[in-house]
Amino acid sequence: MPIDLETLERAAAFARLEKNLAGLDEDMAGLLSAIDILNEADLGGVEPLYSPMTTEVHGLRPDEPGPGTGEFLSQAPALAGRFFAVPKII
């Protein structure tokens, strides 16, 4: 993907790099050409990835109190049922 000076100047303005443009056009062109290699990848039959985590690998656990919950609650200065009581701030 070729990059022209106007596009480079706009990108540099967004990144606040206006003072360091010397040689940046060659670096940016090299970076973009390396990224263009990804366009050549054969993605036929590849399902879209909606999340980097899958439930098969990182399954959800039930939201239940663990074995140490009673110990924490016994150290609370005030309780409201099974919860910590805190002063209202609004």
PDB file of N, CA and C in Angstrom:
ATOM      1  N   MET A   1       0.849  -1.175   0.000  1.00  0.00           N
ATOM      2  CA  MET A   1       0.000   0.000   0.000  1.00  0.00           C
ATOM      3  C   MET A   1       0.893   1.236   0.000  1.00  0.00           C
ATOM      4  N   PRO A   2       0.914   1.973  -1.074  1.00  0.00           N
ATOM      5  CA  PRO A   2       1.753   3.173  -1.113  1.00  0.00           C
ATOM      6  C   PRO A   2       1.164   4.266  -0.220  1.00  0.00           C
ATOM      7  N   ILE A   3       2.036   5.056   0.341  1.00  0.00           N
ATOM      8  CA  ILE A   3       1.600   6.157   1.201  1.00  0.00           C
ATOM      9  C   ILE A   3       2.177   7.454   0.647  1.00  0.00           C
ATOM     10  N   ASP A   4       1.332   8.472   0.537  1.00  0.00           N
ATOM     11  CA  ASP A   4       1.817   9.743   0.021  1.00  0.00           C
ATOM     12  C   ASP A   4       2.128  10.680   1.183  1.00  0.00           C
ATOM     13  N   LEU A   5       2.758  11.769   0.877  1.00  0.00           N
ATOM     14  CA  LEU A   5       3.220  12.704   1.896  1.00  0.00           C
ATOM     15  C   LEU A   5       2.051  13.333   2.649  1.00  0.00           C
ATOM     16  N   GLU A   6       0.957  13.602   1.954  1.00  0.00           N
ATOM     17  CA  GLU A   6      -0.207  14.214   2.603  1.00  0.00           C
ATOM     18  C   GLU A   6      -0.788  13.280   3.669  1.00  0.00           C
ATOM     19  N   THR A   7      -0.912  11.986   3.351  1.00  0.00           N
ATOM     20  CA  THR A   7      -1.420  11.016   4.319  1.00  0.00           C
ATOM     21  C   THR A   7      -0.472  10.900   5.501  1.00  0.00           C
ATOM     22  N   LEU A   8       0.813  10.906   5.221  1.00  0.00           N
ATOM     23  CA  LEU A   8       1.814  10.822   6.277  1.00  0.00           C
ATOM     24  C   LEU A   8       1.748  12.049   7.191  1.00  0.00           C
ATOM     25  N   GLU A   9       1.568  13.228   6.619  1.00  0.00           N
ATOM     26  CA  GLU A   9       1.474  14.446   7.415  1.00  0.00           C
ATOM     27  C   GLU A   9       0.235  14.433   8.295  1.00  0.00           C
ATOM     28  N   ARG A  10      -0.881  13.919   7.773  1.00  0.00           N
ATOM     29  CA  ARG A  10      -2.107  13.827   8.584  1.00  0.00           C
ATOM     30  C   ARG A  10      -1.921  12.848   9.740  1.00  0.00           C
ATOM     31  N   ALA A  11      -1.298  11.704   9.444  1.00  0.00           N
ATOM     32  CA  ALA A  11      -1.055  10.717  10.504  1.00  0.00           C
ATOM     33  C   ALA A  11      -0.091  11.278  11.540  1.00  0.00           C
ATOM     34  N   ALA A  12       0.908  12.013  11.101  1.00  0.00           N
ATOM     35  CA  ALA A  12       1.878  12.599  12.018  1.00  0.00           C
ATOM     36  C   ALA A  12       1.219  13.664  12.893  1.00  0.00           C
ATOM     37  N   ALA A  13       0.274  14.406  12.331  1.00  0.00           N
ATOM     38  CA  ALA A  13      -0.434  15.415  13.119  1.00  0.00           C
ATOM     39  C   ALA A  13      -1.261  14.755  14.214  1.00  0.00           C
ATOM     40  N   PHE A  14      -1.916  13.635  13.888  1.00  0.00           N
ATOM     41  CA  PHE A  14      -2.697  12.908  14.894  1.00  0.00           C
ATOM     42  C   PHE A  14      -1.783  12.364  15.992  1.00  0.00           C
ATOM     43  N   ALA A  15      -0.622  11.884  15.632  1.00  0.00           N
ATOM     44  CA  ALA A  15       0.310  11.296  16.589  1.00  0.00           C
ATOM     45  C   ALA A  15       1.263  12.328  17.183  1.00  0.00           C
ATOM     46  N   ARG A  16       1.105  13.582  16.770  1.00  0.00           N
ATOM     47  CA  ARG A  16       1.964  14.676  17.240  1.00  0.00           C
ATOM     48  C   ARG A  16       3.433  14.403  16.954  1.00  0.00           C
ATOM     49  N   LEU A  17       3.710  14.006  15.702  1.00  0.00           N
ATOM     50  CA  LEU A  17       5.071  13.700  15.269  1.00  0.00           C
ATOM     51  C   LEU A  17       5.560  14.673  14.200  1.00  0.00           C
ATOM     52  N   GLU A  18       4.967  15.853  14.117  1.00  0.00           N
ATOM     53  CA  GLU A  18       5.285  16.765  13.025  1.00  0.00           C
ATOM     54  C   GLU A  18       6.782  17.080  12.940  1.00  0.00           C
ATOM     55  N   LYS A  19       7.478  17.094  14.057  1.00  0.00           N
ATOM     56  CA  LYS A  19       8.889  17.479  14.054  1.00  0.00           C
ATOM     57  C   LYS A  19       9.793  16.335  13.631  1.00  0.00           C
ATOM     58  N   ASN A  20       9.308  15.124  13.574  1.00  0.00           N
ATOM     59  CA  ASN A  20      10.142  13.953  13.301  1.00  0.00           C
ATOM     60  C   ASN A  20       9.781  13.273  11.985  1.00  0.00           C
ATOM     61  N   LEU A  21       9.407  14.037  10.971  1.00  0.00           N
ATOM     62  CA  LEU A  21       8.959  13.447   9.713  1.00  0.00           C
ATOM     63  C   LEU A  21      10.096  12.952   8.834  1.00  0.00           C
ATOM     64  N   ALA A  22      11.309  13.402   9.059  1.00  0.00           N
ATOM     65  CA  ALA A  22      12.429  13.002   8.211  1.00  0.00           C
ATOM     66  C   ALA A  22      12.654  11.498   8.323  1.00  0.00           C
ATOM     67  N   GLY A  23      12.516  10.803   7.226  1.00  0.00           N
ATOM     68  CA  GLY A  23      12.727   9.359   7.196  1.00  0.00           C
ATOM     69  C   GLY A  23      11.527   8.542   7.632  1.00  0.00           C
ATOM     70  N   LEU A  24      10.503   9.209   8.168  1.00  0.00           N
ATOM     71  CA  LEU A  24       9.326   8.477   8.636  1.00  0.00           C
ATOM     72  C   LEU A  24       8.515   7.913   7.472  1.00  0.00           C
ATOM     73  N   ASP A  25       8.574   8.581   6.301  1.00  0.00           N
ATOM     74  CA  ASP A  25       7.800   8.096   5.156  1.00  0.00           C
ATOM     75  C   ASP A  25       8.310   6.730   4.698  1.00  0.00           C
ATOM     76  N   GLU A  26       9.614   6.522   4.708  1.00  0.00           N
ATOM     77  CA  GLU A  26      10.163   5.221   4.308  1.00  0.00           C
ATOM     78  C   GLU A  26       9.815   4.147   5.339  1.00  0.00           C
ATOM     79  N   ASP A  27       9.909   4.501   6.622  1.00  0.00           N
ATOM     80  CA  ASP A  27       9.558   3.549   7.678  1.00  0.00           C
ATOM     81  C   ASP A  27       8.088   3.153   7.585  1.00  0.00           C
ATOM     82  N   MET A  28       7.226   4.149   7.369  1.00  0.00           N
ATOM     83  CA  MET A  28       5.786   3.889   7.293  1.00  0.00           C
ATOM     84  C   MET A  28       5.463   3.048   6.063  1.00  0.00           C
ATOM     85  N   ALA A  29       6.102   3.325   4.935  1.00  0.00           N
ATOM     86  CA  ALA A  29       5.863   2.539   3.726  1.00  0.00           C
ATOM     87  C   ALA A  29       6.300   1.092   3.940  1.00  0.00           C
ATOM     88  N   GLY A  30       7.431   0.881   4.612  1.00  0.00           N
ATOM     89  CA  GLY A  30       7.881  -0.478   4.904  1.00  0.00           C
ATOM     90  C   GLY A  30       6.923  -1.205   5.820  1.00  0.00           C
ATOM     91  N   LEU A  31       6.418  -0.508   6.812  1.00  0.00           N
ATOM     92  CA  LEU A  31       5.455  -1.106   7.737  1.00  0.00           C
ATOM     93  C   LEU A  31       4.167  -1.491   7.026  1.00  0.00           C
ATOM     94  N   LEU A  32       3.652  -0.586   6.202  1.00  0.00           N
ATOM     95  CA  LEU A  32       2.409  -0.869   5.487  1.00  0.00           C
ATOM     96  C   LEU A  32       2.571  -1.992   4.470  1.00  0.00           C
ATOM     97  N   SER A  33       3.734  -2.084   3.838  1.00  0.00           N
ATOM     98  CA  SER A  33       3.941  -3.187   2.890  1.00  0.00           C
ATOM     99  C   SER A  33       4.026  -4.514   3.627  1.00  0.00           C
ATOM    100  N   ALA A  34       4.583  -4.522   4.840  1.00  0.00           N
ATOM    101  CA  ALA A  34       4.617  -5.745   5.634  1.00  0.00           C
ATOM    102  C   ALA A  34       3.201  -6.163   6.030  1.00  0.00           C
ATOM    103  N   ILE A  35       2.363  -5.192   6.341  1.00  0.00           N
ATOM    104  CA  ILE A  35       0.974  -5.494   6.704  1.00  0.00           C
ATOM    105  C   ILE A  35       0.193  -5.965   5.483  1.00  0.00           C
ATOM    106  N   ASP A  36       0.526  -5.472   4.300  1.00  0.00           N
ATOM    107  CA  ASP A  36      -0.160  -5.890   3.079  1.00  0.00           C
ATOM    108  C   ASP A  36       0.000  -7.382   2.807  1.00  0.00           C
ATOM    109  N   ILE A  37       1.030  -7.996   3.341  1.00  0.00           N
ATOM    110  CA  ILE A  37       1.225  -9.441   3.161  1.00  0.00           C
ATOM    111  C   ILE A  37       0.032 -10.207   3.731  1.00  0.00           C
ATOM    112  N   LEU A  38      -0.585  -9.653   4.765  1.00  0.00           N
ATOM    113  CA  LEU A  38      -1.746 -10.319   5.371  1.00  0.00           C
ATOM    114  C   LEU A  38      -2.919 -10.409   4.399  1.00  0.00           C
ATOM    115  N   ASN A  39      -3.005  -9.485   3.445  1.00  0.00           N
ATOM    116  CA  ASN A  39      -4.091  -9.525   2.455  1.00  0.00           C
ATOM    117  C   ASN A  39      -3.966 -10.733   1.525  1.00  0.00           C
ATOM    118  N   GLU A  40      -2.780 -11.325   1.445  1.00  0.00           N
ATOM    119  CA  GLU A  40      -2.565 -12.476   0.569  1.00  0.00           C
ATOM    120  C   GLU A  40      -2.941 -13.793   1.244  1.00  0.00           C
ATOM    121  N   ALA A  41      -3.251 -13.764   2.522  1.00  0.00           N
ATOM    122  CA  ALA A  41      -3.576 -15.000   3.250  1.00  0.00           C
ATOM    123  C   ALA A  41      -4.898 -15.574   2.763  1.00  0.00           C
ATOM    124  N   ASP A  42      -4.945 -16.901   2.600  1.00  0.00           N
ATOM    125  CA  ASP A  42      -6.162 -17.588   2.187  1.00  0.00           C
ATOM    126  C   ASP A  42      -7.035 -17.795   3.421  1.00  0.00           C
ATOM    127  N   LEU A  43      -8.152 -17.099   3.479  1.00  0.00           N
ATOM    128  CA  LEU A  43      -9.039 -17.180   4.626  1.00  0.00           C
ATOM    129  C   LEU A  43     -10.316 -17.944   4.318  1.00  0.00           C
ATOM    130  N   GLY A  44     -10.332 -18.686   3.221  1.00  0.00           N
ATOM    131  CA  GLY A  44     -11.515 -19.461   2.863  1.00  0.00           C
ATOM    132  C   GLY A  44     -11.816 -20.517   3.916  1.00  0.00           C
ATOM    133  N   GLY A  45     -13.035 -20.545   4.400  1.00  0.00           N
ATOM    134  CA  GLY A  45     -13.447 -21.534   5.377  1.00  0.00           C
ATOM    135  C   GLY A  45     -13.055 -21.208   6.805  1.00  0.00           C
ATOM    136  N   VAL A  46     -12.492 -20.039   7.037  1.00  0.00           N
ATOM    137  CA  VAL A  46     -12.114 -19.663   8.399  1.00  0.00           C
ATOM    138  C   VAL A  46     -13.285 -18.930   9.030  1.00  0.00           C
ATOM    139  N   GLU A  47     -13.732 -19.420  10.174  1.00  0.00           N
ATOM    140  CA  GLU A  47     -14.842 -18.787  10.884  1.00  0.00           C
ATOM    141  C   GLU A  47     -14.353 -17.499  11.543  1.00  0.00           C
ATOM    142  N   PRO A  48     -15.195 -16.468  11.593  1.00  0.00           N
ATOM    143  CA  PRO A  48     -14.799 -15.226  12.265  1.00  0.00           C
ATOM    144  C   PRO A  48     -14.593 -15.473  13.759  1.00  0.00           C
ATOM    145  N   LEU A  49     -13.653 -14.764  14.348  1.00  0.00           N
ATOM    146  CA  LEU A  49     -13.379 -14.867  15.769  1.00  0.00           C
ATOM    147  C   LEU A  49     -14.058 -13.689  16.452  1.00  0.00           C
ATOM    148  N   TYR A  50     -15.046 -13.983  17.280  1.00  0.00           N
ATOM    149  CA  TYR A  50     -15.790 -12.924  17.943  1.00  0.00           C
ATOM    150  C   TYR A  50     -15.156 -12.520  19.266  1.00  0.00           C
ATOM    151  N   SER A  51     -14.322 -13.376  19.829  1.00  0.00           N
ATOM    152  CA  SER A  51     -13.655 -13.094  21.082  1.00  0.00           C
ATOM    153  C   SER A  51     -12.365 -13.904  21.126  1.00  0.00           C
ATOM    154  N   PRO A  52     -11.309 -13.356  21.711  1.00  0.00           N
ATOM    155  CA  PRO A  52     -10.081 -14.145  21.815  1.00  0.00           C
ATOM    156  C   PRO A  52     -10.202 -15.289  22.816  1.00  0.00           C
ATOM    157  N   MET A  53     -11.216 -15.254  23.660  1.00  0.00           N
ATOM    158  CA  MET A  53     -11.415 -16.314  24.640  1.00  0.00           C
ATOM    159  C   MET A  53     -12.619 -17.152  24.231  1.00  0.00           C
ATOM    160  N   THR A  54     -12.471 -18.437  24.303  1.00  0.00           N
ATOM    161  CA  THR A  54     -13.600 -19.313  24.013  1.00  0.00           C
ATOM    162  C   THR A  54     -14.070 -19.950  25.302  1.00  0.00           C
ATOM    163  N   THR A  55     -15.348 -20.277  25.364  1.00  0.00           N
ATOM    164  CA  THR A  55     -15.886 -20.875  26.588  1.00  0.00           C
ATOM    165  C   THR A  55     -15.392 -22.301  26.751  1.00  0.00           C
ATOM    166  N   GLU A  56     -14.926 -22.936  25.665  1.00  0.00           N
ATOM    167  CA  GLU A  56     -14.403 -24.291  25.793  1.00  0.00           C
ATOM    168  C   GLU A  56     -13.100 -24.294  26.589  1.00  0.00           C
ATOM    169  N   VAL A  57     -12.272 -23.285  26.355  1.00  0.00           N
ATOM    170  CA  VAL A  57     -10.984 -23.221  27.036  1.00  0.00           C
ATOM    171  C   VAL A  57     -11.142 -22.571  28.406  1.00  0.00           C
ATOM    172  N   HIS A  58     -11.867 -21.469  28.453  1.00  0.00           N
ATOM    173  CA  HIS A  58     -12.063 -20.723  29.688  1.00  0.00           C
ATOM    174  C   HIS A  58     -13.554 -20.753  30.030  1.00  0.00           C
ATOM    175  N   GLY A  59     -14.030 -21.870  30.503  1.00  0.00           N
ATOM    176  CA  GLY A  59     -15.444 -22.005  30.803  1.00  0.00           C
ATOM    177  C   GLY A  59     -15.874 -21.103  31.939  1.00  0.00           C
ATOM    178  N   LEU A  60     -17.125 -20.748  31.938  1.00  0.00           N
ATOM    179  CA  LEU A  60     -17.663 -19.911  32.988  1.00  0.00           C
ATOM    180  C   LEU A  60     -17.910 -20.759  34.230  1.00  0.00           C
ATOM    181  N   ARG A  61     -17.610 -20.199  35.375  1.00  0.00           N
ATOM    182  CA  ARG A  61     -17.861 -20.913  36.618  1.00  0.00           C
ATOM    183  C   ARG A  61     -19.089 -20.314  37.285  1.00  0.00           C
ATOM    184  N   PRO A  62     -19.765 -21.079  38.113  1.00  0.00           N
ATOM    185  CA  PRO A  62     -20.928 -20.524  38.806  1.00  0.00           C
ATOM    186  C   PRO A  62     -20.501 -19.442  39.801  1.00  0.00           C
ATOM    187  N   ASP A  63     -21.324 -18.445  39.959  1.00  0.00           N
ATOM    188  CA  ASP A  63     -21.043 -17.347  40.873  1.00  0.00           C
ATOM    189  C   ASP A  63     -21.564 -17.724  42.257  1.00  0.00           C
ATOM    190  N   GLU A  64     -20.739 -18.443  42.994  1.00  0.00           N
ATOM    191  CA  GLU A  64     -21.115 -18.913  44.321  1.00  0.00           C
ATOM    192  C   GLU A  64     -20.012 -18.560  45.306  1.00  0.00           C
ATOM    193  N   PRO A  65     -20.383 -18.349  46.572  1.00  0.00           N
ATOM    194  CA  PRO A  65     -19.342 -18.040  47.563  1.00  0.00           C
ATOM    195  C   PRO A  65     -18.338 -19.178  47.685  1.00  0.00           C
ATOM    196  N   GLY A  66     -17.085 -18.817  47.811  1.00  0.00           N
ATOM    197  CA  GLY A  66     -16.035 -19.815  47.965  1.00  0.00           C
ATOM    198  C   GLY A  66     -15.795 -20.149  49.427  1.00  0.00           C
ATOM    199  N   PRO A  67     -14.808 -20.986  49.683  1.00  0.00           N
ATOM    200  CA  PRO A  67     -14.572 -21.431  51.058  1.00  0.00           C
ATOM    201  C   PRO A  67     -14.079 -20.324  51.991  1.00  0.00           C
ATOM    202  N   GLY A  68     -13.450 -19.270  51.465  1.00  0.00           N
ATOM    203  CA  GLY A  68     -12.911 -18.220  52.335  1.00  0.00           C
ATOM    204  C   GLY A  68     -13.856 -17.072  52.589  1.00  0.00           C
ATOM    205  N   THR A  69     -15.081 -17.121  52.066  1.00  0.00           N
ATOM    206  CA  THR A  69     -16.002 -15.994  52.167  1.00  0.00           C
ATOM    207  C   THR A  69     -16.369 -15.692  53.611  1.00  0.00           C
ATOM    208  N   GLY A  70     -16.623 -16.708  54.409  1.00  0.00           N
ATOM    209  CA  GLY A  70     -17.003 -16.492  55.804  1.00  0.00           C
ATOM    210  C   GLY A  70     -15.911 -15.809  56.592  1.00  0.00           C
ATOM    211  N   GLU A  71     -14.649 -16.118  56.281  1.00  0.00           N
ATOM    212  CA  GLU A  71     -13.526 -15.492  56.977  1.00  0.00           C
ATOM    213  C   GLU A  71     -13.487 -13.988  56.709  1.00  0.00           C
ATOM    214  N   PHE A  72     -13.737 -13.580  55.470  1.00  0.00           N
ATOM    215  CA  PHE A  72     -13.741 -12.157  55.143  1.00  0.00           C
ATOM    216  C   PHE A  72     -14.896 -11.453  55.833  1.00  0.00           C
ATOM    217  N   LEU A  73     -16.071 -12.065  55.812  1.00  0.00           N
ATOM    218  CA  LEU A  73     -17.235 -11.438  56.418  1.00  0.00           C
ATOM    219  C   LEU A  73     -17.071 -11.320  57.930  1.00  0.00           C
ATOM    220  N   SER A  74     -16.368 -12.229  58.564  1.00  0.00           N
ATOM    221  CA  SER A  74     -16.190 -12.160  60.013  1.00  0.00           C
ATOM    222  C   SER A  74     -15.300 -10.983  60.416  1.00  0.00           C
ATOM    223  N   GLN A  75     -14.520 -10.445  59.487  1.00  0.00           N
ATOM    224  CA  GLN A  75     -13.638  -9.324  59.784  1.00  0.00           C
ATOM    225  C   GLN A  75     -14.251  -7.973  59.416  1.00  0.00           C
ATOM    226  N   ALA A  76     -15.461  -7.976  58.894  1.00  0.00           N
ATOM    227  CA  ALA A  76     -16.097  -6.732  58.464  1.00  0.00           C
ATOM    228  C   ALA A  76     -16.538  -5.916  59.667  1.00  0.00           C
ATOM    229  N   PRO A  77     -16.409  -4.581  59.614  1.00  0.00           N
ATOM    230  CA  PRO A  77     -16.865  -3.756  60.731  1.00  0.00           C
ATOM    231  C   PRO A  77     -18.391  -3.736  60.860  1.00  0.00           C
ATOM    232  N   ALA A  78     -19.108  -3.887  59.742  1.00  0.00           N
ATOM    233  CA  ALA A  78     -20.572  -3.916  59.778  1.00  0.00           C
ATOM    234  C   ALA A  78     -21.064  -4.793  58.636  1.00  0.00           C
ATOM    235  N   LEU A  79     -22.147  -5.519  58.886  1.00  0.00           N
ATOM    236  CA  LEU A  79     -22.724  -6.409  57.878  1.00  0.00           C
ATOM    237  C   LEU A  79     -24.164  -6.045  57.608  1.00  0.00           C
ATOM    238  N   ALA A  80     -24.597  -6.323  56.402  1.00  0.00           N
ATOM    239  CA  ALA A  80     -26.010  -6.226  56.009  1.00  0.00           C
ATOM    240  C   ALA A  80     -26.351  -7.567  55.387  1.00  0.00           C
ATOM    241  N   GLY A  81     -26.794  -8.508  56.193  1.00  0.00           N
ATOM    242  CA  GLY A  81     -27.039  -9.864  55.703  1.00  0.00           C
ATOM    243  C   GLY A  81     -25.707 -10.545  55.451  1.00  0.00           C
ATOM    244  N   ARG A  82     -25.489 -11.011  54.208  1.00  0.00           N
ATOM    245  CA  ARG A  82     -24.214 -11.648  53.861  1.00  0.00           C
ATOM    246  C   ARG A  82     -23.255 -10.678  53.188  1.00  0.00           C
ATOM    247  N   PHE A  83     -23.527  -9.379  53.278  1.00  0.00           N
ATOM    248  CA  PHE A  83     -22.736  -8.386  52.558  1.00  0.00           C
ATOM    249  C   PHE A  83     -22.084  -7.399  53.519  1.00  0.00           C
ATOM    250  N   PHE A  84     -21.024  -6.724  53.060  1.00  0.00           N
ATOM    251  CA  PHE A  84     -20.418  -5.645  53.817  1.00  0.00           C
ATOM    252  C   PHE A  84     -21.368  -4.465  53.825  1.00  0.00           C
ATOM    253  N   ALA A  85     -21.534  -3.808  54.962  1.00  0.00           N
ATOM    254  CA  ALA A  85     -22.338  -2.598  55.051  1.00  0.00           C
ATOM    255  C   ALA A  85     -21.393  -1.400  54.953  1.00  0.00           C
ATOM    256  N   VAL A  86     -21.718  -0.480  54.062  1.00  0.00           N
ATOM    257  CA  VAL A  86     -20.889   0.716  53.883  1.00  0.00           C
ATOM    258  C   VAL A  86     -21.776   1.942  53.993  1.00  0.00           C
ATOM    259  N   PRO A  87     -21.208   3.075  54.389  1.00  0.00           N
ATOM    260  CA  PRO A  87     -22.034   4.278  54.514  1.00  0.00           C
ATOM    261  C   PRO A  87     -22.467   4.796  53.149  1.00  0.00           C
ATOM    262  N   LYS A  88     -23.665   5.351  53.129  1.00  0.00           N
ATOM    263  CA  LYS A  88     -24.196   5.935  51.889  1.00  0.00           C
ATOM    264  C   LYS A  88     -23.443   7.240  51.613  1.00  0.00           C
ATOM    265  N   ILE A  89     -22.983   7.424  50.365  1.00  0.00           N
ATOM    266  CA  ILE A  89     -22.189   8.615  50.055  1.00  0.00           C
ATOM    267  C   ILE A  89     -22.903   9.590  49.117  1.00  0.00           C
ATOM    268  N   ILE A  90     -24.068   9.231  48.648  1.00  0.00           N
ATOM    269  CA  ILE A  90     -24.800  10.130  47.737  1.00  0.00           C
ATOM    270  C   ILE A  90     -25.985  10.719  48.455  1.00  0.00           C
TER     271      ILE A  90
END
